[in-house]
Amino acid sequence: TNGFASDPSFARNRVGAKAAGLAFG
């Protein structure tokens, strides 16, 4: 999130990073 806007790439970044074995935050 950025203020009161959500980042449209967040969900896919979470899924992709964790599927690749990266710790994610």
PDB file of all heavy atoms in Angstrom:
ATOM      1  N   THR A   1       0.831  -1.196   0.000  1.00  0.00           N
ATOM      2  CA  THR A   1       0.000   0.000   0.000  1.00  0.00           C
ATOM      3  C   THR A   1       0.870   1.252   0.000  1.00  0.00           C
ATOM      4  O   THR A   1       2.000   1.249   0.495  1.00  0.00           O
ATOM      5  CB  THR A   1      -0.934   0.028   1.223  1.00  0.00           C
ATOM      6  OG1 THR A   1      -0.171  -0.251   2.409  1.00  0.00           O
ATOM      7  CG2 THR A   1      -2.052  -0.991   1.096  1.00  0.00           C
ATOM      8  N   ASN A   2       0.290   2.312  -0.551  1.00  0.00           N
ATOM      9  CA  ASN A   2       0.940   3.617  -0.612  1.00  0.00           C
ATOM     10  C   ASN A   2      -0.107   4.631  -0.198  1.00  0.00           C
ATOM     11  O   ASN A   2      -0.980   4.976  -0.996  1.00  0.00           O
ATOM     12  CB  ASN A   2       1.444   3.875  -2.031  1.00  0.00           C
ATOM     13  CG  ASN A   2       2.258   5.141  -2.164  1.00  0.00           C
ATOM     14  OD1 ASN A   2       1.893   6.172  -1.620  1.00  0.00           O
ATOM     15  ND2 ASN A   2       3.362   5.064  -2.902  1.00  0.00           N
ATOM     16  N   GLY A   3      -0.025   5.079   1.067  1.00  0.00           N
ATOM     17  CA  GLY A   3      -1.120   5.892   1.582  1.00  0.00           C
ATOM     18  C   GLY A   3      -2.386   5.053   1.603  1.00  0.00           C
ATOM     19  O   GLY A   3      -2.451   4.008   2.240  1.00  0.00           O
ATOM     20  N   PHE A   4      -3.395   5.510   0.841  1.00  0.00           N
ATOM     21  CA  PHE A   4      -4.651   4.762   0.761  1.00  0.00           C
ATOM     22  C   PHE A   4      -4.845   4.116  -0.613  1.00  0.00           C
ATOM     23  O   PHE A   4      -5.965   3.789  -0.996  1.00  0.00           O
ATOM     24  CB  PHE A   4      -5.832   5.676   1.086  1.00  0.00           C
ATOM     25  CG  PHE A   4      -5.893   6.073   2.536  1.00  0.00           C
ATOM     26  CD1 PHE A   4      -5.560   7.365   2.924  1.00  0.00           C
ATOM     27  CD2 PHE A   4      -6.252   5.157   3.508  1.00  0.00           C
ATOM     28  CE1 PHE A   4      -5.592   7.730   4.271  1.00  0.00           C
ATOM     29  CE2 PHE A   4      -6.286   5.508   4.848  1.00  0.00           C
ATOM     30  CZ  PHE A   4      -5.958   6.804   5.231  1.00  0.00           C
ATOM     31  N   ALA A   5      -3.719   3.915  -1.309  1.00  0.00           N
ATOM     32  CA  ALA A   5      -3.759   3.214  -2.596  1.00  0.00           C
ATOM     33  C   ALA A   5      -3.072   1.864  -2.458  1.00  0.00           C
ATOM     34  O   ALA A   5      -2.045   1.740  -1.783  1.00  0.00           O
ATOM     35  CB  ALA A   5      -3.068   4.046  -3.676  1.00  0.00           C
ATOM     36  N   SER A   6      -3.631   0.857  -3.096  1.00  0.00           N
ATOM     37  CA  SER A   6      -3.010  -0.468  -3.070  1.00  0.00           C
ATOM     38  C   SER A   6      -2.129  -0.645  -4.298  1.00  0.00           C
ATOM     39  O   SER A   6      -2.377  -0.053  -5.349  1.00  0.00           O
ATOM     40  CB  SER A   6      -4.076  -1.565  -3.022  1.00  0.00           C
ATOM     41  OG  SER A   6      -4.917  -1.494  -4.161  1.00  0.00           O
ATOM     42  N   ASP A   7      -1.077  -1.454  -4.155  1.00  0.00           N
ATOM     43  CA  ASP A   7      -0.178  -1.742  -5.263  1.00  0.00           C
ATOM     44  C   ASP A   7      -0.739  -2.925  -6.042  1.00  0.00           C
ATOM     45  O   ASP A   7      -0.868  -4.027  -5.496  1.00  0.00           O
ATOM     46  CB  ASP A   7       1.220  -2.068  -4.729  1.00  0.00           C
ATOM     47  CG  ASP A   7       2.266  -2.163  -5.825  1.00  0.00           C
ATOM     48  OD1 ASP A   7       1.988  -2.811  -6.856  1.00  0.00           O
ATOM     49  OD2 ASP A   7       3.362  -1.600  -5.650  1.00  0.00           O
ATOM     50  N   PRO A   8      -1.070  -2.743  -7.319  1.00  0.00           N
ATOM     51  CA  PRO A   8      -1.701  -3.825  -8.085  1.00  0.00           C
ATOM     52  C   PRO A   8      -0.797  -5.026  -8.324  1.00  0.00           C
ATOM     53  O   PRO A   8      -1.284  -6.100  -8.695  1.00  0.00           O
ATOM     54  CB  PRO A   8      -2.076  -3.146  -9.406  1.00  0.00           C
ATOM     55  CG  PRO A   8      -1.137  -1.987  -9.525  1.00  0.00           C
ATOM     56  CD  PRO A   8      -0.927  -1.506  -8.118  1.00  0.00           C
ATOM     57  N   SER A   9       0.513  -4.870  -8.100  1.00  0.00           N
ATOM     58  CA  SER A   9       1.428  -5.987  -8.321  1.00  0.00           C
ATOM     59  C   SER A   9       1.675  -6.802  -7.058  1.00  0.00           C
ATOM     60  O   SER A   9       2.364  -7.834  -7.108  1.00  0.00           O
ATOM     61  CB  SER A   9       2.776  -5.468  -8.852  1.00  0.00           C
ATOM     62  OG  SER A   9       3.480  -4.750  -7.840  1.00  0.00           O
ATOM     63  N   PHE A  10       1.126  -6.380  -5.934  1.00  0.00           N
ATOM     64  CA  PHE A  10       1.475  -7.009  -4.669  1.00  0.00           C
ATOM     65  C   PHE A  10       1.135  -8.496  -4.618  1.00  0.00           C
ATOM     66  O   PHE A  10       1.982  -9.325  -4.248  1.00  0.00           O
ATOM     67  CB  PHE A  10       0.793  -6.289  -3.499  1.00  0.00           C
ATOM     68  CG  PHE A  10       1.047  -6.950  -2.170  1.00  0.00           C
ATOM     69  CD1 PHE A  10       2.285  -6.859  -1.567  1.00  0.00           C
ATOM     70  CD2 PHE A  10       0.056  -7.686  -1.532  1.00  0.00           C
ATOM     71  CE1 PHE A  10       2.548  -7.477  -0.348  1.00  0.00           C
ATOM     72  CE2 PHE A  10       0.296  -8.310  -0.319  1.00  0.00           C
ATOM     73  CZ  PHE A  10       1.556  -8.203   0.272  1.00  0.00           C
ATOM     74  N   ALA A  11      -0.073  -8.852  -4.965  1.00  0.00           N
ATOM     75  CA  ALA A  11      -0.496 -10.256  -4.847  1.00  0.00           C
ATOM     76  C   ALA A  11       0.378 -11.166  -5.697  1.00  0.00           C
ATOM     77  O   ALA A  11       0.807 -12.229  -5.247  1.00  0.00           O
ATOM     78  CB  ALA A  11      -1.965 -10.405  -5.231  1.00  0.00           C
ATOM     79  N   ARG A  12       0.647 -10.780  -6.944  1.00  0.00           N
ATOM     80  CA  ARG A  12       1.452 -11.653  -7.801  1.00  0.00           C
ATOM     81  C   ARG A  12       2.904 -11.692  -7.346  1.00  0.00           C
ATOM     82  O   ARG A  12       3.577 -12.727  -7.494  1.00  0.00           O
ATOM     83  CB  ARG A  12       1.335 -11.244  -9.262  1.00  0.00           C
ATOM     84  CG  ARG A  12       2.022  -9.962  -9.680  1.00  0.00           C
ATOM     85  CD  ARG A  12       2.031  -9.824 -11.200  1.00  0.00           C
ATOM     86  NE  ARG A  12       2.702  -8.613 -11.634  1.00  0.00           N
ATOM     87  CZ  ARG A  12       2.104  -7.456 -11.887  1.00  0.00           C
ATOM     88  NH1 ARG A  12       0.787  -7.356 -11.743  1.00  0.00           N
ATOM     89  NH2 ARG A  12       2.801  -6.395 -12.280  1.00  0.00           N
ATOM     90  N   ASN A  13       3.399 -10.578  -6.777  1.00  0.00           N
ATOM     91  CA  ASN A  13       4.761 -10.597  -6.248  1.00  0.00           C
ATOM     92  C   ASN A  13       4.870 -11.530  -5.050  1.00  0.00           C
ATOM     93  O   ASN A  13       5.853 -12.263  -4.905  1.00  0.00           O
ATOM     94  CB  ASN A  13       5.206  -9.185  -5.871  1.00  0.00           C
ATOM     95  CG  ASN A  13       5.601  -8.359  -7.083  1.00  0.00           C
ATOM     96  OD1 ASN A  13       6.012  -8.896  -8.117  1.00  0.00           O
ATOM     97  ND2 ASN A  13       5.471  -7.045  -6.966  1.00  0.00           N
ATOM     98  N   ARG A  14       3.874 -11.525  -4.198  1.00  0.00           N
ATOM     99  CA  ARG A  14       3.882 -12.435  -3.044  1.00  0.00           C
ATOM    100  C   ARG A  14       3.885 -13.887  -3.498  1.00  0.00           C
ATOM    101  O   ARG A  14       4.697 -14.689  -3.045  1.00  0.00           O
ATOM    102  CB  ARG A  14       2.674 -12.163  -2.145  1.00  0.00           C
ATOM    103  CG  ARG A  14       2.472 -13.255  -1.093  1.00  0.00           C
ATOM    104  CD  ARG A  14       1.179 -13.055  -0.337  1.00  0.00           C
ATOM    105  NE  ARG A  14       1.410 -12.419   0.950  1.00  0.00           N
ATOM    106  CZ  ARG A  14       0.501 -11.707   1.607  1.00  0.00           C
ATOM    107  NH1 ARG A  14      -0.685 -11.503   1.079  1.00  0.00           N
ATOM    108  NH2 ARG A  14       0.795 -11.187   2.783  1.00  0.00           N
ATOM    109  N   VAL A  15       2.967 -14.215  -4.397  1.00  0.00           N
ATOM    110  CA  VAL A  15       2.863 -15.593  -4.874  1.00  0.00           C
ATOM    111  C   VAL A  15       4.158 -16.012  -5.563  1.00  0.00           C
ATOM    112  O   VAL A  15       4.699 -17.101  -5.310  1.00  0.00           O
ATOM    113  CB  VAL A  15       1.669 -15.744  -5.828  1.00  0.00           C
ATOM    114  CG1 VAL A  15       1.691 -17.108  -6.516  1.00  0.00           C
ATOM    115  CG2 VAL A  15       0.348 -15.574  -5.072  1.00  0.00           C
ATOM    116  N   GLY A  16       4.680 -15.161  -6.434  1.00  0.00           N
ATOM    117  CA  GLY A  16       5.870 -15.508  -7.186  1.00  0.00           C
ATOM    118  C   GLY A  16       7.104 -15.651  -6.322  1.00  0.00           C
ATOM    119  O   GLY A  16       7.881 -16.599  -6.482  1.00  0.00           O
ATOM    120  N   ALA A  17       7.289 -14.711  -5.400  1.00  0.00           N
ATOM    121  CA  ALA A  17       8.462 -14.753  -4.534  1.00  0.00           C
ATOM    122  C   ALA A  17       8.445 -15.983  -3.637  1.00  0.00           C
ATOM    123  O   ALA A  17       9.455 -16.683  -3.501  1.00  0.00           O
ATOM    124  CB  ALA A  17       8.528 -13.482  -3.689  1.00  0.00           C
ATOM    125  N   LYS A  18       7.310 -16.268  -3.041  1.00  0.00           N
ATOM    126  CA  LYS A  18       7.233 -17.403  -2.123  1.00  0.00           C
ATOM    127  C   LYS A  18       7.331 -18.732  -2.875  1.00  0.00           C
ATOM    128  O   LYS A  18       7.941 -19.692  -2.382  1.00  0.00           O
ATOM    129  CB  LYS A  18       5.947 -17.304  -1.298  1.00  0.00           C
ATOM    130  CG  LYS A  18       5.955 -16.104  -0.355  1.00  0.00           C
ATOM    131  CD  LYS A  18       4.643 -15.895   0.364  1.00  0.00           C
ATOM    132  CE  LYS A  18       4.456 -16.833   1.514  1.00  0.00           C
ATOM    133  NZ  LYS A  18       3.322 -16.460   2.380  1.00  0.00           N
ATOM    134  N   ALA A  19       6.767 -18.800  -4.072  1.00  0.00           N
ATOM    135  CA  ALA A  19       6.875 -20.022  -4.864  1.00  0.00           C
ATOM    136  C   ALA A  19       8.322 -20.301  -5.248  1.00  0.00           C
ATOM    137  O   ALA A  19       8.720 -21.464  -5.392  1.00  0.00           O
ATOM    138  CB  ALA A  19       6.012 -19.915  -6.119  1.00  0.00           C
ATOM    139  N   ALA A  20       9.104 -19.219  -5.394  1.00  0.00           N
ATOM    140  CA  ALA A  20      10.513 -19.370  -5.747  1.00  0.00           C
ATOM    141  C   ALA A  20      11.393 -19.619  -4.530  1.00  0.00           C
ATOM    142  O   ALA A  20      12.601 -19.776  -4.665  1.00  0.00           O
ATOM    143  CB  ALA A  20      10.997 -18.125  -6.493  1.00  0.00           C
ATOM    144  N   GLY A  21      10.789 -19.640  -3.355  1.00  0.00           N
ATOM    145  CA  GLY A  21      11.529 -19.962  -2.139  1.00  0.00           C
ATOM    146  C   GLY A  21      12.118 -18.776  -1.410  1.00  0.00           C
ATOM    147  O   GLY A  21      12.922 -18.961  -0.495  1.00  0.00           O
ATOM    148  N   LEU A  22      11.727 -17.563  -1.777  1.00  0.00           N
ATOM    149  CA  LEU A  22      12.236 -16.381  -1.089  1.00  0.00           C
ATOM    150  C   LEU A  22      11.400 -16.086   0.150  1.00  0.00           C
ATOM    151  O   LEU A  22      10.174 -16.242   0.145  1.00  0.00           O
ATOM    152  CB  LEU A  22      12.207 -15.148  -2.005  1.00  0.00           C
ATOM    153  CG  LEU A  22      13.380 -14.969  -2.976  1.00  0.00           C
ATOM    154  CD1 LEU A  22      13.310 -15.993  -4.105  1.00  0.00           C
ATOM    155  CD2 LEU A  22      13.397 -13.546  -3.539  1.00  0.00           C
ATOM    156  N   ALA A  23      12.055 -15.640   1.213  1.00  0.00           N
ATOM    157  CA  ALA A  23      11.327 -15.074   2.355  1.00  0.00           C
ATOM    158  C   ALA A  23      10.671 -13.785   1.870  1.00  0.00           C
ATOM    159  O   ALA A  23      11.266 -13.031   1.096  1.00  0.00           O
ATOM    160  CB  ALA A  23      12.279 -14.792   3.502  1.00  0.00           C
ATOM    161  N   PHE A  24       9.455 -13.516   2.322  1.00  0.00           N
ATOM    162  CA  PHE A  24       8.679 -12.407   1.760  1.00  0.00           C
ATOM    163  C   PHE A  24       8.092 -11.532   2.856  1.00  0.00           C
ATOM    164  O   PHE A  24       7.655 -12.027   3.900  1.00  0.00           O
ATOM    165  CB  PHE A  24       7.537 -12.959   0.895  1.00  0.00           C
ATOM    166  CG  PHE A  24       6.685 -11.897   0.266  1.00  0.00           C
ATOM    167  CD1 PHE A  24       7.069 -11.304  -0.925  1.00  0.00           C
ATOM    168  CD2 PHE A  24       5.511 -11.488   0.871  1.00  0.00           C
ATOM    169  CE1 PHE A  24       6.288 -10.297  -1.496  1.00  0.00           C
ATOM    170  CE2 PHE A  24       4.717 -10.495   0.315  1.00  0.00           C
ATOM    171  CZ  PHE A  24       5.112  -9.898  -0.880  1.00  0.00           C
ATOM    172  N   GLY A  25       8.073 -10.234   2.590  1.00  0.00           N
ATOM    173  CA  GLY A  25       7.452  -9.293   3.509  1.00  0.00           C
ATOM    174  C   GLY A  25       6.792  -8.147   2.766  1.00  0.00           C
ATOM    175  O   GLY A  25       7.158  -7.832   1.625  1.00  0.00           O
TER     176      GLY A  25
END
